[in-house]
Protein backbone atom coordinates (compact mmCIF):
# COMPACT_ATOMS: atom_id res chain seq x y z
CA MET A 1 6.75 11.61 12.72
CA HIS A 2 7.38 7.96 13.84
CA THR A 3 9.31 5.68 11.46
CA ALA A 4 8.13 2.06 11.84
CA SER A 5 10.84 -0.52 12.40
CA LYS A 6 11.59 -3.10 9.79
CA SER A 7 9.94 -5.76 11.93
CA GLU A 8 6.71 -3.58 12.34
CA ILE A 9 6.61 -3.13 8.52
CA ASN A 10 7.21 -6.74 7.80
CA CYS A 11 4.45 -7.73 10.29
CA PHE A 12 1.92 -5.41 8.64
CA LEU A 13 2.89 -6.63 5.09
CA LYS A 14 2.70 -10.25 6.19
CA GLN A 15 -0.83 -9.73 7.61
CA TYR A 16 -1.92 -7.70 4.56
CA ARG A 17 -0.60 -10.16 1.99
CA LYS A 18 -2.18 -13.05 3.83
CA GLY A 19 -5.57 -11.44 3.89
CA MET A 20 -5.61 -9.74 0.44
CA PHE A 21 -6.02 -13.09 -1.32
CA LEU A 22 -9.07 -14.18 0.69
CA PRO A 23 -12.31 -14.13 -1.36
CA GLN A 24 -14.17 -10.88 -1.13
CA ARG A 25 -11.66 -9.29 1.35
CA PHE A 26 -9.55 -7.22 -1.00
CA HIS A 27 -11.05 -3.80 -1.85
CA LEU A 28 -10.03 -1.03 -4.22
CA LEU A 29 -11.59 2.46 -3.98
CA ASP A 30 -13.02 3.95 -7.09
CA ARG A 31 -10.30 6.58 -7.15
CA THR A 32 -7.74 3.85 -6.77
CA MET A 33 -9.14 2.12 -9.98
CA ASP A 34 -8.49 5.51 -11.79
CA GLY A 35 -4.78 5.27 -10.94
CA ILE A 36 -4.54 1.63 -11.89
CA THR A 37 -6.33 2.31 -15.22
CA ASP A 38 -3.88 5.17 -15.91
CA LEU A 39 -1.04 2.77 -15.33
CA GLY A 40 -2.58 0.26 -17.71
CA LEU A 41 -2.65 -2.44 -15.01
CA THR A 42 -5.15 -5.18 -14.17
CA ILE A 43 -6.32 -6.12 -10.72
CA PRO A 44 -4.33 -9.34 -10.74
CA GLN A 45 -1.21 -7.34 -11.68
CA VAL A 46 -1.84 -4.90 -8.86
CA LYS A 47 -2.14 -7.74 -6.41
CA GLN A 48 1.15 -9.17 -7.60
CA ILE A 49 2.90 -5.79 -7.26
CA ILE A 50 1.45 -5.41 -3.72
CA LYS A 51 2.65 -8.99 -2.89
CA GLY A 52 6.14 -7.82 -3.85
CA VAL A 53 6.15 -4.79 -1.56
CA ARG A 54 8.92 -5.09 1.11
CA TYR A 55 10.12 -3.08 4.06
CA ASN A 56 12.49 -1.11 1.80
CA ASN A 57 9.50 0.27 -0.05
CA TYR A 58 8.13 1.73 3.16
CA ASP A 59 7.52 5.53 3.18
CA ARG A 60 5.22 6.33 6.13
CA GLY A 61 2.97 4.77 8.64
CA PRO A 62 1.27 3.72 10.67
CA THR A 63 -0.67 6.97 10.59
CA PRO A 64 -4.31 7.53 11.56
CA ASP A 65 -6.68 7.58 8.59
CA HIS A 66 -8.05 11.06 8.11
CA ASN A 67 -11.54 9.63 8.01
CA GLY A 68 -11.48 9.30 11.81
CA ASP A 69 -12.30 5.60 11.95
CA GLY A 70 -9.46 4.93 14.39
CA LEU A 71 -7.59 2.73 11.94
CA ASP A 72 -4.12 3.23 10.48
CA ILE A 73 -2.81 3.62 6.92
CA TRP A 74 0.63 2.61 5.66
CA GLU A 75 2.25 4.17 2.59
CA PHE A 76 4.80 2.73 0.21
CA GLY A 77 6.64 3.63 -2.90
CA ILE A 78 7.71 0.90 -5.46
CA PRO A 79 9.62 1.44 -8.65
CA PHE A 80 7.80 0.05 -11.77
CA GLU A 81 8.75 0.44 -15.38
CA GLY A 82 10.78 3.59 -14.78
CA ILE A 83 8.22 5.37 -12.43
CA LEU A 84 7.56 5.27 -8.73
CA ILE A 85 4.14 4.02 -7.78
CA TYR A 86 2.52 5.32 -4.62
CA ILE A 87 0.61 2.69 -2.66
CA LYS A 88 -1.51 3.27 0.42
CA LEU A 89 -2.84 0.27 2.31
CA LYS A 90 -5.07 -0.27 5.25
CA ILE A 91 -6.44 -3.24 7.20
CA ASP A 92 -10.05 -2.88 8.34
CA PRO A 93 -11.04 -5.88 10.62
CA GLU A 94 -14.65 -5.64 9.46
CA TYR A 95 -14.38 -4.60 5.81
CA GLY A 96 -11.09 -6.23 4.81
CA TYR A 97 -7.83 -5.31 2.98
CA LYS A 98 -8.12 -1.92 1.41
CA CYS A 99 -5.89 -0.36 -1.26
CA LEU A 100 -6.70 3.33 -0.79
CA SER A 101 -4.23 4.50 -3.49
CA PHE A 102 -2.24 2.92 -6.29
CA LYS A 103 -0.96 5.54 -8.69
CA LYS A 104 2.02 7.22 -10.30
CA SER A 105 3.82 9.13 -7.45
CA SER A 106 3.89 12.88 -7.26
CA GLY A 107 6.10 12.72 -4.07
CA PRO A 108 7.61 13.91 -1.71
CA TRP A 109 9.07 10.75 -0.30
CA THR A 110 11.01 9.81 2.81
CA LEU A 111 11.68 6.09 1.98
CA PRO A 112 13.98 5.63 5.00
CA TYR A 113 14.91 2.02 4.11
CA LYS A 114 15.36 2.53 0.37
CA ASN A 115 18.15 0.37 -1.02
CA TRP A 116 17.11 0.12 -4.68
């Protein structure tokens, strides 16, 4: 498995953060909403947490999405109120900036740049 470089991760995150605040371009899957609800968070809170994701939260990616659309997903873990949140993000040039997962982590993790 390929580990992305810090610059590759930062490039993806910069692009994602820039686009996720555009009107009608940030999308959460229904199953993602379940995880957000379980955490007691609002969509604006989720956006702020994603905005705070950095290279040291990187776990895996880019890896091909299993749906076969030819696009990549990126996975992150971020500590939040004593738990680790699993976040899976994807940029779809046509559809927008997707959050495919946002939930309490069940692991396992690699977190190659973890320093927290």
